[in-house]
Every structure is written in structure tokens, then in C-alpha cells.
Amino acid sequence: MSITEHLKSEIEATAASLDIAPSTVGERAGQGGQFYKRLCDGKRVWPETAEAVLARLADMKAKAGDAA
């Protein structure tokens, strides 16, 4: 699985757990509302960007778990 596919999968899982749209997850991760669409279009992602987004996704999931 490529980093783009992995990132897309993680965004979708986070969106499902937070009950929000994947594009909203991308926006909240600091990448803008078009980030998820670009992933779906097969655009490349810099490794540093992927690391930052994955860290923010983990943070979002942790905060959602704390709020529950």
C-alpha cells in the first residue's frame, strides 16, 4: 500500500469515527478542504506532510476518545 493509499484510508477511518466528512478531516488536519480529493485523484504526498497529517489524525482520535 502506498503512502497515499494509507493516508486516504486513515482519513476515512478517522472521518467515520468522528462522524464527519473526509474532506473535513483533511481541513482540520491543516491541509485544506481539497486535501482528501487530491489523495483520491492519486496526487503525491510529501513524506513530511504524511507524517504531520497522521500525527494530527492520531491527536483528533485521542481527543474524541477523551470527550466520550
PDB file of N, CA and C in Angstrom:
ATOM      1  N   MET A   1       0.858  -1.181   0.000  1.00  0.00           N
ATOM      2  CA  MET A   1       0.000   0.000   0.000  1.00  0.00           C
ATOM      3  C   MET A   1       0.899   1.238   0.000  1.00  0.00           C
ATOM      4  N   SER A   2       0.610   2.150  -0.903  1.00  0.00           N
ATOM      5  CA  SER A   2       1.400   3.381  -0.989  1.00  0.00           C
ATOM      6  C   SER A   2       1.039   4.316   0.167  1.00  0.00           C
ATOM      7  N   ILE A   3       1.871   5.299   0.390  1.00  0.00           N
ATOM      8  CA  ILE A   3       1.605   6.269   1.455  1.00  0.00           C
ATOM      9  C   ILE A   3       0.317   7.029   1.169  1.00  0.00           C
ATOM     10  N   THR A   4       0.035   7.299  -0.103  1.00  0.00           N
ATOM     11  CA  THR A   4      -1.199   7.997  -0.463  1.00  0.00           C
ATOM     12  C   THR A   4      -2.412   7.151  -0.105  1.00  0.00           C
ATOM     13  N   GLU A   5      -2.364   5.858  -0.439  1.00  0.00           N
ATOM     14  CA  GLU A   5      -3.475   4.959  -0.118  1.00  0.00           C
ATOM     15  C   GLU A   5      -3.638   4.809   1.390  1.00  0.00           C
ATOM     16  N   HIS A   6      -2.508   4.694   2.088  1.00  0.00           N
ATOM     17  CA  HIS A   6      -2.550   4.563   3.549  1.00  0.00           C
ATOM     18  C   HIS A   6      -3.159   5.812   4.190  1.00  0.00           C
ATOM     19  N   LEU A   7      -2.733   6.956   3.736  1.00  0.00           N
ATOM     20  CA  LEU A   7      -3.240   8.219   4.271  1.00  0.00           C
ATOM     21  C   LEU A   7      -4.734   8.364   3.995  1.00  0.00           C
ATOM     22  N   LYS A   8      -5.146   8.028   2.792  1.00  0.00           N
ATOM     23  CA  LYS A   8      -6.563   8.084   2.432  1.00  0.00           C
ATOM     24  C   LYS A   8      -7.378   7.161   3.339  1.00  0.00           C
ATOM     25  N   SER A   9      -6.883   5.966   3.564  1.00  0.00           N
ATOM     26  CA  SER A   9      -7.558   5.005   4.436  1.00  0.00           C
ATOM     27  C   SER A   9      -7.666   5.527   5.868  1.00  0.00           C
ATOM     28  N   GLU A  10      -6.596   6.110   6.371  1.00  0.00           N
ATOM     29  CA  GLU A  10      -6.604   6.658   7.732  1.00  0.00           C
ATOM     30  C   GLU A  10      -7.571   7.835   7.856  1.00  0.00           C
ATOM     31  N   ILE A  11      -7.620   8.683   6.842  1.00  0.00           N
ATOM     32  CA  ILE A  11      -8.553   9.811   6.858  1.00  0.00           C
ATOM     33  C   ILE A  11      -9.989   9.299   6.863  1.00  0.00           C
ATOM     34  N   GLU A  12     -10.268   8.288   6.048  1.00  0.00           N
ATOM     35  CA  GLU A  12     -11.616   7.720   6.002  1.00  0.00           C
ATOM     36  C   GLU A  12     -12.001   7.103   7.343  1.00  0.00           C
ATOM     37  N   ALA A  13     -11.071   6.398   7.976  1.00  0.00           N
ATOM     38  CA  ALA A  13     -11.345   5.792   9.278  1.00  0.00           C
ATOM     39  C   ALA A  13     -11.584   6.858  10.343  1.00  0.00           C
ATOM     40  N   THR A  14     -10.787   7.907  10.319  1.00  0.00           N
ATOM     41  CA  THR A  14     -10.959   8.999  11.276  1.00  0.00           C
ATOM     42  C   THR A  14     -12.289   9.699  11.051  1.00  0.00           C
ATOM     43  N   ALA A  15     -12.633   9.930   9.795  1.00  0.00           N
ATOM     44  CA  ALA A  15     -13.910  10.573   9.466  1.00  0.00           C
ATOM     45  C   ALA A  15     -15.076   9.740   9.977  1.00  0.00           C
ATOM     46  N   ALA A  16     -15.001   8.433   9.793  1.00  0.00           N
ATOM     47  CA  ALA A  16     -16.077   7.553  10.257  1.00  0.00           C
ATOM     48  C   ALA A  16     -16.186   7.579  11.779  1.00  0.00           C
ATOM     49  N   SER A  17     -15.048   7.573  12.466  1.00  0.00           N
ATOM     50  CA  SER A  17     -15.089   7.566  13.931  1.00  0.00           C
ATOM     51  C   SER A  17     -15.570   8.892  14.509  1.00  0.00           C
ATOM     52  N   LEU A  18     -15.325   9.996  13.789  1.00  0.00           N
ATOM     53  CA  LEU A  18     -15.759  11.314  14.259  1.00  0.00           C
ATOM     54  C   LEU A  18     -17.103  11.729  13.670  1.00  0.00           C
ATOM     55  N   ASP A  19     -17.631  10.916  12.749  1.00  0.00           N
ATOM     56  CA  ASP A  19     -18.905  11.182  12.074  1.00  0.00           C
ATOM     57  C   ASP A  19     -18.874  12.520  11.333  1.00  0.00           C
ATOM     58  N   ILE A  20     -17.789  12.727  10.581  1.00  0.00           N
ATOM     59  CA  ILE A  20     -17.648  13.918   9.739  1.00  0.00           C
ATOM     60  C   ILE A  20     -17.152  13.479   8.361  1.00  0.00           C
ATOM     61  N   ALA A  21     -17.180  14.382   7.403  1.00  0.00           N
ATOM     62  CA  ALA A  21     -16.729  14.077   6.044  1.00  0.00           C
ATOM     63  C   ALA A  21     -15.205  13.977   5.992  1.00  0.00           C
ATOM     64  N   PRO A  22     -14.683  13.106   5.121  1.00  0.00           N
ATOM     65  CA  PRO A  22     -13.226  13.016   4.973  1.00  0.00           C
ATOM     66  C   PRO A  22     -12.577  14.351   4.597  1.00  0.00           C
ATOM     67  N   SER A  23     -13.263  15.160   3.806  1.00  0.00           N
ATOM     68  CA  SER A  23     -12.685  16.460   3.437  1.00  0.00           C
ATOM     69  C   SER A  23     -12.544  17.357   4.663  1.00  0.00           C
ATOM     70  N   THR A  24     -13.465  17.223   5.612  1.00  0.00           N
ATOM     71  CA  THR A  24     -13.386  17.995   6.853  1.00  0.00           C
ATOM     72  C   THR A  24     -12.193  17.542   7.683  1.00  0.00           C
ATOM     73  N   VAL A  25     -11.929  16.252   7.683  1.00  0.00           N
ATOM     74  CA  VAL A  25     -10.763  15.731   8.404  1.00  0.00           C
ATOM     75  C   VAL A  25      -9.485  16.331   7.813  1.00  0.00           C
ATOM     76  N   GLY A  26      -9.397  16.355   6.490  1.00  0.00           N
ATOM     77  CA  GLY A  26      -8.226  16.950   5.844  1.00  0.00           C
ATOM     78  C   GLY A  26      -8.055  18.407   6.206  1.00  0.00           C
ATOM     79  N   GLU A  27      -9.168  19.116   6.255  1.00  0.00           N
ATOM     80  CA  GLU A  27      -9.122  20.534   6.619  1.00  0.00           C
ATOM     81  C   GLU A  27      -8.675  20.706   8.064  1.00  0.00           C
ATOM     82  N   ARG A  28      -9.233  19.908   8.963  1.00  0.00           N
ATOM     83  CA  ARG A  28      -8.854  20.002  10.382  1.00  0.00           C
ATOM     84  C   ARG A  28      -7.419  19.558  10.627  1.00  0.00           C
ATOM     85  N   ALA A  29      -6.904  18.736   9.725  1.00  0.00           N
ATOM     86  CA  ALA A  29      -5.512  18.305   9.847  1.00  0.00           C
ATOM     87  C   ALA A  29      -4.548  19.367   9.327  1.00  0.00           C
ATOM     88  N   GLY A  30      -5.101  20.491   8.885  1.00  0.00           N
ATOM     89  CA  GLY A  30      -4.276  21.612   8.467  1.00  0.00           C
ATOM     90  C   GLY A  30      -3.867  21.580   7.007  1.00  0.00           C
ATOM     91  N   GLN A  31      -4.542  20.764   6.199  1.00  0.00           N
ATOM     92  CA  GLN A  31      -4.156  20.639   4.798  1.00  0.00           C
ATOM     93  C   GLN A  31      -5.185  21.213   3.837  1.00  0.00           C
ATOM     94  N   GLY A  32      -6.252  21.761   4.342  1.00  0.00           N
ATOM     95  CA  GLY A  32      -7.271  22.356   3.476  1.00  0.00           C
ATOM     96  C   GLY A  32      -8.327  21.343   3.069  1.00  0.00           C
ATOM     97  N   GLY A  33      -9.449  21.859   2.639  1.00  0.00           N
ATOM     98  CA  GLY A  33     -10.588  21.017   2.301  1.00  0.00           C
ATOM     99  C   GLY A  33     -10.413  20.190   1.047  1.00  0.00           C
ATOM    100  N   GLN A  34      -9.428  20.508   0.218  1.00  0.00           N
ATOM    101  CA  GLN A  34      -9.209  19.760  -1.024  1.00  0.00           C
ATOM    102  C   GLN A  34      -8.176  18.637  -0.869  1.00  0.00           C
ATOM    103  N   PHE A  35      -7.594  18.501   0.311  1.00  0.00           N
ATOM    104  CA  PHE A  35      -6.537  17.513   0.514  1.00  0.00           C
ATOM    105  C   PHE A  35      -7.027  16.097   0.227  1.00  0.00           C
ATOM    106  N   TYR A  36      -8.175  15.729   0.783  1.00  0.00           N
ATOM    107  CA  TYR A  36      -8.713  14.379   0.576  1.00  0.00           C
ATOM    108  C   TYR A  36      -9.012  14.137  -0.900  1.00  0.00           C
ATOM    109  N   LYS A  37      -9.578  15.123  -1.580  1.00  0.00           N
ATOM    110  CA  LYS A  37      -9.878  14.979  -3.010  1.00  0.00           C
ATOM    111  C   LYS A  37      -8.600  14.756  -3.804  1.00  0.00           C
ATOM    112  N   ARG A  38      -7.554  15.477  -3.453  1.00  0.00           N
ATOM    113  CA  ARG A  38      -6.279  15.296  -4.149  1.00  0.00           C
ATOM    114  C   ARG A  38      -5.732  13.887  -3.929  1.00  0.00           C
ATOM    115  N   LEU A  39      -5.905  13.361  -2.713  1.00  0.00           N
ATOM    116  CA  LEU A  39      -5.487  11.982  -2.460  1.00  0.00           C
ATOM    117  C   LEU A  39      -6.277  11.015  -3.336  1.00  0.00           C
ATOM    118  N   CYS A  40      -7.588  11.232  -3.418  1.00  0.00           N
ATOM    119  CA  CYS A  40      -8.448  10.381  -4.247  1.00  0.00           C
ATOM    120  C   CYS A  40      -8.067  10.467  -5.717  1.00  0.00           C
ATOM    121  N   ASP A  41      -7.567  11.614  -6.133  1.00  0.00           N
ATOM    122  CA  ASP A  41      -7.144  11.811  -7.519  1.00  0.00           C
ATOM    123  C   ASP A  41      -5.763  11.212  -7.789  1.00  0.00           C
ATOM    124  N   GLY A  42      -5.136  10.650  -6.742  1.00  0.00           N
ATOM    125  CA  GLY A  42      -3.842  10.000  -6.912  1.00  0.00           C
ATOM    126  C   GLY A  42      -2.648  10.927  -6.873  1.00  0.00           C
ATOM    127  N   LYS A  43      -2.844  12.141  -6.380  1.00  0.00           N
ATOM    128  CA  LYS A  43      -1.727  13.094  -6.289  1.00  0.00           C
ATOM    129  C   LYS A  43      -0.724  12.625  -5.243  1.00  0.00           C
ATOM    130  N   ARG A  44       0.518  13.009  -5.421  1.00  0.00           N
ATOM    131  CA  ARG A  44       1.562  12.577  -4.490  1.00  0.00           C
ATOM    132  C   ARG A  44       1.529  13.405  -3.212  1.00  0.00           C
ATOM    133  N   VAL A  45       2.074  12.814  -2.164  1.00  0.00           N
ATOM    134  CA  VAL A  45       2.150  13.472  -0.860  1.00  0.00           C
ATOM    135  C   VAL A  45       3.602  13.398  -0.397  1.00  0.00           C
ATOM    136  N   TRP A  46       4.131  14.518   0.043  1.00  0.00           N
ATOM    137  CA  TRP A  46       5.480  14.523   0.599  1.00  0.00           C
ATOM    138  C   TRP A  46       5.481  13.717   1.897  1.00  0.00           C
ATOM    139  N   PRO A  47       6.539  12.956   2.168  1.00  0.00           N
ATOM    140  CA  PRO A  47       6.598  12.165   3.403  1.00  0.00           C
ATOM    141  C   PRO A  47       6.410  13.009   4.662  1.00  0.00           C
ATOM    142  N   GLU A  48       6.965  14.215   4.662  1.00  0.00           N
ATOM    143  CA  GLU A  48       6.824  15.091   5.826  1.00  0.00           C
ATOM    144  C   GLU A  48       5.364  15.488   6.041  1.00  0.00           C
ATOM    145  N   THR A  49       4.649  15.726   4.955  1.00  0.00           N
ATOM    146  CA  THR A  49       3.231  16.071   5.047  1.00  0.00           C
ATOM    147  C   THR A  49       2.448  14.886   5.576  1.00  0.00           C
ATOM    148  N   ALA A  50       2.731  13.698   5.062  1.00  0.00           N
ATOM    149  CA  ALA A  50       2.038  12.491   5.510  1.00  0.00           C
ATOM    150  C   ALA A  50       2.255  12.265   7.002  1.00  0.00           C
ATOM    151  N   GLU A  51       3.480  12.431   7.466  1.00  0.00           N
ATOM    152  CA  GLU A  51       3.781  12.263   8.889  1.00  0.00           C
ATOM    153  C   GLU A  51       3.000  13.258   9.735  1.00  0.00           C
ATOM    154  N   ALA A  52       2.969  14.509   9.303  1.00  0.00           N
ATOM    155  CA  ALA A  52       2.256  15.544  10.053  1.00  0.00           C
ATOM    156  C   ALA A  52       0.759  15.253  10.096  1.00  0.00           C
ATOM    157  N   VAL A  53       0.193  14.841   8.969  1.00  0.00           N
ATOM    158  CA  VAL A  53      -1.243  14.548   8.924  1.00  0.00           C
ATOM    159  C   VAL A  53      -1.560  13.342   9.801  1.00  0.00           C
ATOM    160  N   LEU A  54      -0.758  12.292   9.729  1.00  0.00           N
ATOM    161  CA  LEU A  54      -1.001  11.112  10.560  1.00  0.00           C
ATOM    162  C   LEU A  54      -0.925  11.456  12.045  1.00  0.00           C
ATOM    163  N   ALA A  55      -0.002  12.328  12.416  1.00  0.00           N
ATOM    164  CA  ALA A  55       0.093  12.758  13.816  1.00  0.00           C
ATOM    165  C   ALA A  55      -1.162  13.522  14.228  1.00  0.00           C
ATOM    166  N   ARG A  56      -1.653  14.387  13.344  1.00  0.00           N
ATOM    167  CA  ARG A  56      -2.865  15.149  13.655  1.00  0.00           C
ATOM    168  C   ARG A  56      -4.088  14.239  13.724  1.00  0.00           C
ATOM    169  N   LEU A  57      -4.132  13.217  12.871  1.00  0.00           N
ATOM    170  CA  LEU A  57      -5.246  12.267  12.915  1.00  0.00           C
ATOM    171  C   LEU A  57      -5.254  11.521  14.247  1.00  0.00           C
ATOM    172  N   ALA A  58      -4.085  11.100  14.696  1.00  0.00           N
ATOM    173  CA  ALA A  58      -3.982  10.419  15.985  1.00  0.00           C
ATOM    174  C   ALA A  58      -4.437  11.338  17.112  1.00  0.00           C
ATOM    175  N   ASP A  59      -4.069  12.607  17.020  1.00  0.00           N
ATOM    176  CA  ASP A  59      -4.480  13.588  18.021  1.00  0.00           C
ATOM    177  C   ASP A  59      -5.999  13.783  18.012  1.00  0.00           C
ATOM    178  N   MET A  60      -6.576  13.852  16.813  1.00  0.00           N
ATOM    179  CA  MET A  60      -8.034  14.005  16.701  1.00  0.00           C
ATOM    180  C   MET A  60      -8.758  12.820  17.322  1.00  0.00           C
ATOM    181  N   LYS A  61      -8.256  11.609  17.045  1.00  0.00           N
ATOM    182  CA  LYS A  61      -8.881  10.403  17.596  1.00  0.00           C
ATOM    183  C   LYS A  61      -8.756  10.383  19.118  1.00  0.00           C
ATOM    184  N   ALA A  62      -7.589  10.790  19.626  1.00  0.00           N
ATOM    185  CA  ALA A  62      -7.379  10.807  21.073  1.00  0.00           C
ATOM    186  C   ALA A  62      -8.310  11.808  21.744  1.00  0.00           C
ATOM    187  N   LYS A  63      -8.446  12.991  21.152  1.00  0.00           N
ATOM    188  CA  LYS A  63      -9.342  13.999  21.725  1.00  0.00           C
ATOM    189  C   LYS A  63     -10.786  13.542  21.675  1.00  0.00           C
ATOM    190  N   ALA A  64     -11.166  12.844  20.620  1.00  0.00           N
ATOM    191  CA  ALA A  64     -12.535  12.329  20.511  1.00  0.00           C
ATOM    192  C   ALA A  64     -12.775  11.264  21.574  1.00  0.00           C
ATOM    193  N   GLY A  65     -11.748  10.458  21.849  1.00  0.00           N
ATOM    194  CA  GLY A  65     -11.859   9.442  22.891  1.00  0.00           C
ATOM    195  C   GLY A  65     -11.964  10.056  24.272  1.00  0.00           C
ATOM    196  N   ASP A  66     -11.258  11.160  24.498  1.00  0.00           N
ATOM    197  CA  ASP A  66     -11.322  11.860  25.784  1.00  0.00           C
ATOM    198  C   ASP A  66     -12.687  12.488  26.005  1.00  0.00           C
ATOM    199  N   ALA A  67     -13.303  12.962  24.923  1.00  0.00           N
ATOM    200  CA  ALA A  67     -14.595  13.643  25.025  1.00  0.00           C
ATOM    201  C   ALA A  67     -15.739  12.665  25.255  1.00  0.00           C
ATOM    202  N   ALA A  68     -15.526  11.413  24.893  1.00  0.00           N
ATOM    203  CA  ALA A  68     -16.608  10.420  25.014  1.00  0.00           C
ATOM    204  C   ALA A  68     -16.808   9.956  26.425  1.00  0.00           C
TER     205      ALA A  68
END
